[in-house]
Amino acid sequence: MSINIPSVGSGAPVATVSPVANPAPAPQVQPVQQAARSSGDTVHLTSAQQVYQLYNQGQKVSEIASSLSLSVATVNSYLNLSSGG
């Protein structure tokens, strides 16, 4: 786009605008789509990793066993504990 401002006999400037010969097309706006949940968005933890995480968050061995459907002995084994911790 070019702007030409000539002076007119009255001394007041007059602005004229001439459009660009081939203006660039406006960019196409694509709608934002929700990303589908895929295996790339999810981290799968082993039972042992889940046990460690819950134990480090302060849960008791019996609570961990119950919430993960594991035996107390299995949870103790994952944590290398000899008793009910």
PDB file of N, CA and C in Angstrom:
ATOM      1  N   MET A   1       0.851  -1.162   0.000  1.00  0.00           N
ATOM      2  CA  MET A   1       0.000   0.000   0.000  1.00  0.00           C
ATOM      3  C   MET A   1       0.895   1.222   0.000  1.00  0.00           C
ATOM      4  N   SER A   2       0.526   2.209  -0.801  1.00  0.00           N
ATOM      5  CA  SER A   2       1.293   3.452  -0.819  1.00  0.00           C
ATOM      6  C   SER A   2       0.386   4.611  -0.458  1.00  0.00           C
ATOM      7  N   ILE A   3       0.958   5.587   0.196  1.00  0.00           N
ATOM      8  CA  ILE A   3       0.203   6.774   0.600  1.00  0.00           C
ATOM      9  C   ILE A   3       0.852   7.986  -0.057  1.00  0.00           C
ATOM     10  N   ASN A   4       0.037   8.794  -0.749  1.00  0.00           N
ATOM     11  CA  ASN A   4       0.512   9.990  -1.415  1.00  0.00           C
ATOM     12  C   ASN A   4      -0.184  11.181  -0.790  1.00  0.00           C
ATOM     13  N   ILE A   5       0.563  12.137  -0.296  1.00  0.00           N
ATOM     14  CA  ILE A   5      -0.031  13.316   0.334  1.00  0.00           C
ATOM     15  C   ILE A   5       0.445  14.551  -0.429  1.00  0.00           C
ATOM     16  N   PRO A   6      -0.328  14.951  -1.485  1.00  0.00           N
ATOM     17  CA  PRO A   6       0.053  16.173  -2.213  1.00  0.00           C
ATOM     18  C   PRO A   6      -0.509  17.398  -1.512  1.00  0.00           C
ATOM     19  N   SER A   7       0.123  18.501  -1.721  1.00  0.00           N
ATOM     20  CA  SER A   7      -0.448  19.723  -1.157  1.00  0.00           C
ATOM     21  C   SER A   7      -1.411  20.314  -2.172  1.00  0.00           C
ATOM     22  N   VAL A   8      -2.530  20.823  -1.705  1.00  0.00           N
ATOM     23  CA  VAL A   8      -3.572  21.395  -2.558  1.00  0.00           C
ATOM     24  C   VAL A   8      -3.459  22.911  -2.460  1.00  0.00           C
ATOM     25  N   GLY A   9      -4.011  23.628  -3.423  1.00  0.00           N
ATOM     26  CA  GLY A   9      -3.933  25.084  -3.480  1.00  0.00           C
ATOM     27  C   GLY A   9      -4.266  25.781  -2.182  1.00  0.00           C
ATOM     28  N   SER A  10      -5.141  25.230  -1.363  1.00  0.00           N
ATOM     29  CA  SER A  10      -5.521  25.887  -0.118  1.00  0.00           C
ATOM     30  C   SER A  10      -4.461  25.690   0.960  1.00  0.00           C
ATOM     31  N   GLY A  11      -3.467  24.930   0.665  1.00  0.00           N
ATOM     32  CA  GLY A  11      -2.418  24.690   1.647  1.00  0.00           C
ATOM     33  C   GLY A  11      -2.687  23.513   2.556  1.00  0.00           C
ATOM     34  N   ALA A  12      -3.906  22.969   2.526  1.00  0.00           N
ATOM     35  CA  ALA A  12      -4.223  21.818   3.378  1.00  0.00           C
ATOM     36  C   ALA A  12      -3.833  20.529   2.651  1.00  0.00           C
ATOM     37  N   PRO A  13      -3.086  19.668   3.293  1.00  0.00           N
ATOM     38  CA  PRO A  13      -2.719  18.419   2.631  1.00  0.00           C
ATOM     39  C   PRO A  13      -3.930  17.500   2.479  1.00  0.00           C
ATOM     40  N   VAL A  14      -3.966  16.746   1.391  1.00  0.00           N
ATOM     41  CA  VAL A  14      -5.024  15.778   1.130  1.00  0.00           C
ATOM     42  C   VAL A  14      -4.359  14.418   0.964  1.00  0.00           C
ATOM     43  N   ALA A  15      -4.831  13.444   1.671  1.00  0.00           N
ATOM     44  CA  ALA A  15      -4.237  12.108   1.604  1.00  0.00           C
ATOM     45  C   ALA A  15      -5.020  11.237   0.648  1.00  0.00           C
ATOM     46  N   THR A  16      -4.291  10.520  -0.183  1.00  0.00           N
ATOM     47  CA  THR A  16      -4.921   9.522  -1.046  1.00  0.00           C
ATOM     48  C   THR A  16      -4.202   8.204  -0.845  1.00  0.00           C
ATOM     49  N   VAL A  17      -4.950   7.138  -0.868  1.00  0.00           N
ATOM     50  CA  VAL A  17      -4.392   5.809  -0.643  1.00  0.00           C
ATOM     51  C   VAL A  17      -4.653   4.971  -1.867  1.00  0.00           C
ATOM     52  N   SER A  18      -3.597   4.357  -2.384  1.00  0.00           N
ATOM     53  CA  SER A  18      -3.792   3.462  -3.519  1.00  0.00           C
ATOM     54  C   SER A  18      -3.499   2.039  -3.062  1.00  0.00           C
ATOM     55  N   PRO A  19      -4.389   1.123  -3.354  1.00  0.00           N
ATOM     56  CA  PRO A  19      -4.198  -0.259  -2.902  1.00  0.00           C
ATOM     57  C   PRO A  19      -3.039  -0.921  -3.639  1.00  0.00           C
ATOM     58  N   VAL A  20      -2.462  -1.908  -3.004  1.00  0.00           N
ATOM     59  CA  VAL A  20      -1.393  -2.692  -3.601  1.00  0.00           C
ATOM     60  C   VAL A  20      -2.004  -3.533  -4.709  1.00  0.00           C
ATOM     61  N   ALA A  21      -1.288  -3.683  -5.811  1.00  0.00           N
ATOM     62  CA  ALA A  21      -1.815  -4.389  -6.974  1.00  0.00           C
ATOM     63  C   ALA A  21      -2.269  -5.810  -6.642  1.00  0.00           C
ATOM     64  N   ASN A  22      -1.438  -6.579  -6.003  1.00  0.00           N
ATOM     65  CA  ASN A  22      -1.779  -7.968  -5.641  1.00  0.00           C
ATOM     66  C   ASN A  22      -1.530  -8.180  -4.153  1.00  0.00           C
ATOM     67  N   PRO A  23      -2.492  -7.817  -3.322  1.00  0.00           N
ATOM     68  CA  PRO A  23      -2.259  -7.990  -1.886  1.00  0.00           C
ATOM     69  C   PRO A  23      -2.128  -9.472  -1.546  1.00  0.00           C
ATOM     70  N   ALA A  24      -1.323  -9.737  -0.547  1.00  0.00           N
ATOM     71  CA  ALA A  24      -1.148 -11.119  -0.102  1.00  0.00           C
ATOM     72  C   ALA A  24      -2.458 -11.616   0.487  1.00  0.00           C
ATOM     73  N   PRO A  25      -2.818 -12.863   0.185  1.00  0.00           N
ATOM     74  CA  PRO A  25      -4.070 -13.385   0.752  1.00  0.00           C
ATOM     75  C   PRO A  25      -3.964 -13.496   2.268  1.00  0.00           C
ATOM     76  N   ALA A  26      -5.075 -13.278   2.917  1.00  0.00           N
ATOM     77  CA  ALA A  26      -5.107 -13.400   4.372  1.00  0.00           C
ATOM     78  C   ALA A  26      -4.841 -14.852   4.753  1.00  0.00           C
ATOM     79  N   PRO A  27      -4.088 -15.058   5.814  1.00  0.00           N
ATOM     80  CA  PRO A  27      -3.809 -16.441   6.215  1.00  0.00           C
ATOM     81  C   PRO A  27      -5.098 -17.150   6.618  1.00  0.00           C
ATOM     82  N   GLN A  28      -5.185 -18.396   6.259  1.00  0.00           N
ATOM     83  CA  GLN A  28      -6.351 -19.192   6.634  1.00  0.00           C
ATOM     84  C   GLN A  28      -6.237 -19.595   8.098  1.00  0.00           C
ATOM     85  N   VAL A  29      -7.290 -19.396   8.830  1.00  0.00           N
ATOM     86  CA  VAL A  29      -7.307 -19.758  10.242  1.00  0.00           C
ATOM     87  C   VAL A  29      -7.914 -21.139  10.365  1.00  0.00           C
ATOM     88  N   GLN A  30      -7.125 -22.036  10.885  1.00  0.00           N
ATOM     89  CA  GLN A  30      -7.604 -23.401  11.078  1.00  0.00           C
ATOM     90  C   GLN A  30      -8.154 -23.537  12.491  1.00  0.00           C
ATOM     91  N   PRO A  31      -9.279 -24.214  12.658  1.00  0.00           N
ATOM     92  CA  PRO A  31      -9.806 -24.403  14.013  1.00  0.00           C
ATOM     93  C   PRO A  31      -8.872 -25.288  14.835  1.00  0.00           C
ATOM     94  N   VAL A  32      -8.791 -24.960  16.099  1.00  0.00           N
ATOM     95  CA  VAL A  32      -7.968 -25.760  16.998  1.00  0.00           C
ATOM     96  C   VAL A  32      -8.737 -27.015  17.352  1.00  0.00           C
ATOM     97  N   GLN A  33      -8.109 -28.135  17.169  1.00  0.00           N
ATOM     98  CA  GLN A  33      -8.760 -29.397  17.491  1.00  0.00           C
ATOM     99  C   GLN A  33      -8.175 -29.941  18.780  1.00  0.00           C
ATOM    100  N   GLN A  34      -9.020 -30.562  19.557  1.00  0.00           N
ATOM    101  CA  GLN A  34      -8.555 -31.214  20.767  1.00  0.00           C
ATOM    102  C   GLN A  34      -7.645 -32.361  20.384  1.00  0.00           C
ATOM    103  N   ALA A  35      -6.520 -32.438  21.038  1.00  0.00           N
ATOM    104  CA  ALA A  35      -5.606 -33.547  20.778  1.00  0.00           C
ATOM    105  C   ALA A  35      -6.220 -34.824  21.348  1.00  0.00           C
ATOM    106  N   ALA A  36      -6.256 -35.820  20.532  1.00  0.00           N
ATOM    107  CA  ALA A  36      -6.792 -37.097  20.998  1.00  0.00           C
ATOM    108  C   ALA A  36      -5.802 -37.722  21.964  1.00  0.00           C
ATOM    109  N   ARG A  37      -6.336 -38.298  22.995  1.00  0.00           N
ATOM    110  CA  ARG A  37      -5.449 -38.960  23.945  1.00  0.00           C
ATOM    111  C   ARG A  37      -4.857 -40.190  23.272  1.00  0.00           C
ATOM    112  N   SER A  38      -3.575 -40.214  23.276  1.00  0.00           N
ATOM    113  CA  SER A  38      -2.903 -41.348  22.670  1.00  0.00           C
ATOM    114  C   SER A  38      -1.888 -41.893  23.655  1.00  0.00           C
ATOM    115  N   SER A  39      -1.288 -42.993  23.288  1.00  0.00           N
ATOM    116  CA  SER A  39      -0.318 -43.595  24.182  1.00  0.00           C
ATOM    117  C   SER A  39       0.871 -42.668  24.403  1.00  0.00           C
ATOM    118  N   GLY A  40       1.093 -41.708  23.513  1.00  0.00           N
ATOM    119  CA  GLY A  40       2.174 -40.752  23.683  1.00  0.00           C
ATOM    120  C   GLY A  40       1.917 -39.756  24.794  1.00  0.00           C
ATOM    121  N   ASP A  41       0.655 -39.601  25.212  1.00  0.00           N
ATOM    122  CA  ASP A  41       0.296 -38.657  26.260  1.00  0.00           C
ATOM    123  C   ASP A  41       0.261 -39.297  27.643  1.00  0.00           C
ATOM    124  N   THR A  42       0.440 -40.583  27.714  1.00  0.00           N
ATOM    125  CA  THR A  42       0.245 -41.306  28.962  1.00  0.00           C
ATOM    126  C   THR A  42       1.520 -42.030  29.358  1.00  0.00           C
ATOM    127  N   VAL A  43       1.858 -41.949  30.635  1.00  0.00           N
ATOM    128  CA  VAL A  43       2.991 -42.688  31.153  1.00  0.00           C
ATOM    129  C   VAL A  43       2.436 -43.867  31.939  1.00  0.00           C
ATOM    130  N   HIS A  44       2.872 -45.044  31.591  1.00  0.00           N
ATOM    131  CA  HIS A  44       2.423 -46.238  32.300  1.00  0.00           C
ATOM    132  C   HIS A  44       3.497 -46.647  33.295  1.00  0.00           C
ATOM    133  N   LEU A  45       3.107 -46.709  34.564  1.00  0.00           N
ATOM    134  CA  LEU A  45       4.026 -47.117  35.611  1.00  0.00           C
ATOM    135  C   LEU A  45       3.813 -48.582  35.954  1.00  0.00           C
ATOM    136  N   THR A  46       4.900 -49.253  36.255  1.00  0.00           N
ATOM    137  CA  THR A  46       4.780 -50.633  36.716  1.00  0.00           C
ATOM    138  C   THR A  46       4.182 -50.607  38.119  1.00  0.00           C
ATOM    139  N   SER A  47       3.766 -51.760  38.591  1.00  0.00           N
ATOM    140  CA  SER A  47       3.222 -51.845  39.955  1.00  0.00           C
ATOM    141  C   SER A  47       4.259 -51.396  40.967  1.00  0.00           C
ATOM    142  N   ALA A  48       5.510 -51.798  40.767  1.00  0.00           N
ATOM    143  CA  ALA A  48       6.575 -51.417  41.695  1.00  0.00           C
ATOM    144  C   ALA A  48       6.754 -49.899  41.713  1.00  0.00           C
ATOM    145  N   GLN A  49       6.705 -49.258  40.541  1.00  0.00           N
ATOM    146  CA  GLN A  49       6.845 -47.804  40.479  1.00  0.00           C
ATOM    147  C   GLN A  49       5.680 -47.105  41.167  1.00  0.00           C
ATOM    148  N   GLN A  50       4.484 -47.648  40.997  1.00  0.00           N
ATOM    149  CA  GLN A  50       3.308 -47.075  41.664  1.00  0.00           C
ATOM    150  C   GLN A  50       3.449 -47.210  43.170  1.00  0.00           C
ATOM    151  N   VAL A  51       3.941 -48.347  43.619  1.00  0.00           N
ATOM    152  CA  VAL A  51       4.137 -48.573  45.058  1.00  0.00           C
ATOM    153  C   VAL A  51       5.118 -47.542  45.608  1.00  0.00           C
ATOM    154  N   TYR A  52       6.256 -47.370  44.944  1.00  0.00           N
ATOM    155  CA  TYR A  52       7.239 -46.384  45.398  1.00  0.00           C
ATOM    156  C   TYR A  52       6.645 -44.980  45.443  1.00  0.00           C
ATOM    157  N   GLN A  53       5.906 -44.622  44.424  1.00  0.00           N
ATOM    158  CA  GLN A  53       5.320 -43.288  44.365  1.00  0.00           C
ATOM    159  C   GLN A  53       4.347 -43.058  45.523  1.00  0.00           C
ATOM    160  N   LEU A  54       3.456 -43.998  45.747  1.00  0.00           N
ATOM    161  CA  LEU A  54       2.473 -43.856  46.826  1.00  0.00           C
ATOM    162  C   LEU A  54       3.144 -43.863  48.196  1.00  0.00           C
ATOM    163  N   TYR A  55       4.160 -44.703  48.352  1.00  0.00           N
ATOM    164  CA  TYR A  55       4.873 -44.776  49.625  1.00  0.00           C
ATOM    165  C   TYR A  55       5.593 -43.446  49.904  1.00  0.00           C
ATOM    166  N   ASN A  56       6.198 -42.874  48.877  1.00  0.00           N
ATOM    167  CA  ASN A  56       6.887 -41.587  49.031  1.00  0.00           C
ATOM    168  C   ASN A  56       5.921 -40.443  49.275  1.00  0.00           C
ATOM    169  N   GLN A  57       4.649 -40.636  48.920  1.00  0.00           N
ATOM    170  CA  GLN A  57       3.626 -39.627  49.191  1.00  0.00           C
ATOM    171  C   GLN A  57       3.049 -39.780  50.592  1.00  0.00           C
ATOM    172  N   GLY A  58       3.524 -40.784  51.319  1.00  0.00           N
ATOM    173  CA  GLY A  58       3.123 -40.941  52.709  1.00  0.00           C
ATOM    174  C   GLY A  58       2.037 -41.981  52.976  1.00  0.00           C
ATOM    175  N   GLN A  59       1.650 -42.743  51.979  1.00  0.00           N
ATOM    176  CA  GLN A  59       0.623 -43.759  52.217  1.00  0.00           C
ATOM    177  C   GLN A  59       1.219 -44.954  52.959  1.00  0.00           C
ATOM    178  N   LYS A  60       0.387 -45.574  53.753  1.00  0.00           N
ATOM    179  CA  LYS A  60       0.799 -46.773  54.488  1.00  0.00           C
ATOM    180  C   LYS A  60       0.804 -47.981  53.560  1.00  0.00           C
ATOM    181  N   VAL A  61       1.590 -48.973  53.926  1.00  0.00           N
ATOM    182  CA  VAL A  61       1.710 -50.179  53.117  1.00  0.00           C
ATOM    183  C   VAL A  61       0.344 -50.824  52.901  1.00  0.00           C
ATOM    184  N   SER A  62      -0.462 -50.893  53.939  1.00  0.00           N
ATOM    185  CA  SER A  62      -1.779 -51.515  53.811  1.00  0.00           C
ATOM    186  C   SER A  62      -2.682 -50.727  52.857  1.00  0.00           C
ATOM    187  N   GLU A  63      -2.578 -49.398  52.883  1.00  0.00           N
ATOM    188  CA  GLU A  63      -3.362 -48.569  51.965  1.00  0.00           C
ATOM    189  C   GLU A  63      -2.917 -48.774  50.517  1.00  0.00           C
ATOM    190  N   ILE A  64      -1.616 -48.859  50.325  1.00  0.00           N
ATOM    191  CA  ILE A  64      -1.076 -49.077  48.981  1.00  0.00           C
ATOM    192  C   ILE A  64      -1.531 -50.429  48.451  1.00  0.00           C
ATOM    193  N   ALA A  65      -1.430 -51.445  49.290  1.00  0.00           N
ATOM    194  CA  ALA A  65      -1.835 -52.789  48.886  1.00  0.00           C
ATOM    195  C   ALA A  65      -3.302 -52.805  48.478  1.00  0.00           C
ATOM    196  N   SER A  66      -4.125 -52.160  49.257  1.00  0.00           N
ATOM    197  CA  SER A  66      -5.549 -52.125  48.968  1.00  0.00           C
ATOM    198  C   SER A  66      -5.849 -51.353  47.675  1.00  0.00           C
ATOM    199  N   SER A  67      -5.250 -50.188  47.513  1.00  0.00           N
ATOM    200  CA  SER A  67      -5.558 -49.359  46.352  1.00  0.00           C
ATOM    201  C   SER A  67      -5.037 -49.955  45.045  1.00  0.00           C
ATOM    202  N   LEU A  68      -3.960 -50.748  45.100  1.00  0.00           N
ATOM    203  CA  LEU A  68      -3.401 -51.346  43.890  1.00  0.00           C
ATOM    204  C   LEU A  68      -3.780 -52.820  43.726  1.00  0.00           C
ATOM    205  N   SER A  69      -4.634 -53.311  44.610  1.00  0.00           N
ATOM    206  CA  SER A  69      -5.048 -54.724  44.598  1.00  0.00           C
ATOM    207  C   SER A  69      -3.850 -55.658  44.650  1.00  0.00           C
ATOM    208  N   LEU A  70      -2.939 -55.349  45.552  1.00  0.00           N
ATOM    209  CA  LEU A  70      -1.762 -56.183  45.783  1.00  0.00           C
ATOM    210  C   LEU A  70      -1.792 -56.682  47.212  1.00  0.00           C
ATOM    211  N   SER A  71      -1.042 -57.719  47.484  1.00  0.00           N
ATOM    212  CA  SER A  71      -0.938 -58.181  48.864  1.00  0.00           C
ATOM    213  C   SER A  71       0.059 -57.300  49.611  1.00  0.00           C
ATOM    214  N   VAL A  72      -0.087 -57.264  50.923  1.00  0.00           N
ATOM    215  CA  VAL A  72       0.842 -56.503  51.755  1.00  0.00           C
ATOM    216  C   VAL A  72       2.255 -57.044  51.564  1.00  0.00           C
ATOM    217  N   ALA A  73       2.376 -58.363  51.427  1.00  0.00           N
ATOM    218  CA  ALA A  73       3.688 -58.979  51.225  1.00  0.00           C
ATOM    219  C   ALA A  73       4.336 -58.492  49.923  1.00  0.00           C
ATOM    220  N   THR A  74       3.548 -58.345  48.880  1.00  0.00           N
ATOM    221  CA  THR A  74       4.077 -57.866  47.593  1.00  0.00           C
ATOM    222  C   THR A  74       4.550 -56.428  47.717  1.00  0.00           C
ATOM    223  N   VAL A  75       3.753 -55.581  48.383  1.00  0.00           N
ATOM    224  CA  VAL A  75       4.142 -54.185  48.579  1.00  0.00           C
ATOM    225  C   VAL A  75       5.424 -54.127  49.400  1.00  0.00           C
ATOM    226  N   ASN A  76       5.493 -54.906  50.454  1.00  0.00           N
ATOM    227  CA  ASN A  76       6.713 -54.944  51.272  1.00  0.00           C
ATOM    228  C   ASN A  76       7.910 -55.392  50.438  1.00  0.00           C
ATOM    229  N   SER A  77       7.694 -56.357  49.573  1.00  0.00           N
ATOM    230  CA  SER A  77       8.768 -56.852  48.720  1.00  0.00           C
ATOM    231  C   SER A  77       9.260 -55.743  47.778  1.00  0.00           C
ATOM    232  N   TYR A  78       8.347 -55.002  47.173  1.00  0.00           N
ATOM    233  CA  TYR A  78       8.728 -53.911  46.290  1.00  0.00           C
ATOM    234  C   TYR A  78       9.521 -52.841  47.030  1.00  0.00           C
ATOM    235  N   LEU A  79       9.171 -52.621  48.284  1.00  0.00           N
ATOM    236  CA  LEU A  79       9.817 -51.600  49.093  1.00  0.00           C
ATOM    237  C   LEU A  79      11.023 -52.134  49.867  1.00  0.00           C
ATOM    238  N   ASN A  80      11.301 -53.412  49.708  1.00  0.00           N
ATOM    239  CA  ASN A  80      12.384 -54.077  50.454  1.00  0.00           C
ATOM    240  C   ASN A  80      12.198 -53.929  51.962  1.00  0.00           C
ATOM    241  N   LEU A  81      10.944 -54.058  52.381  1.00  0.00           N
ATOM    242  CA  LEU A  81      10.614 -54.002  53.807  1.00  0.00           C
ATOM    243  C   LEU A  81      10.362 -55.420  54.299  1.00  0.00           C
ATOM    244  N   SER A  82      10.694 -55.665  55.563  1.00  0.00           N
ATOM    245  CA  SER A  82      10.476 -57.006  56.095  1.00  0.00           C
ATOM    246  C   SER A  82       9.161 -57.116  56.860  1.00  0.00           C
ATOM    247  N   SER A  83       8.571 -55.974  57.242  1.00  0.00           N
ATOM    248  CA  SER A  83       7.308 -56.031  57.985  1.00  0.00           C
ATOM    249  C   SER A  83       6.332 -55.012  57.431  1.00  0.00           C
ATOM    250  N   GLY A  84       5.224 -54.812  58.122  1.00  0.00           N
ATOM    251  CA  GLY A  84       4.111 -54.000  57.656  1.00  0.00           C
ATOM    252  C   GLY A  84       4.359 -52.530  57.443  1.00  0.00           C
ATOM    253  N   GLY A  85       5.532 -51.936  57.642  1.00  0.00           N
ATOM    254  CA  GLY A  85       5.928 -50.569  57.358  1.00  0.00           C
ATOM    255  C   GLY A  85       4.894 -49.591  57.559  1.00  0.00           C
TER     256      GLY A  85
END
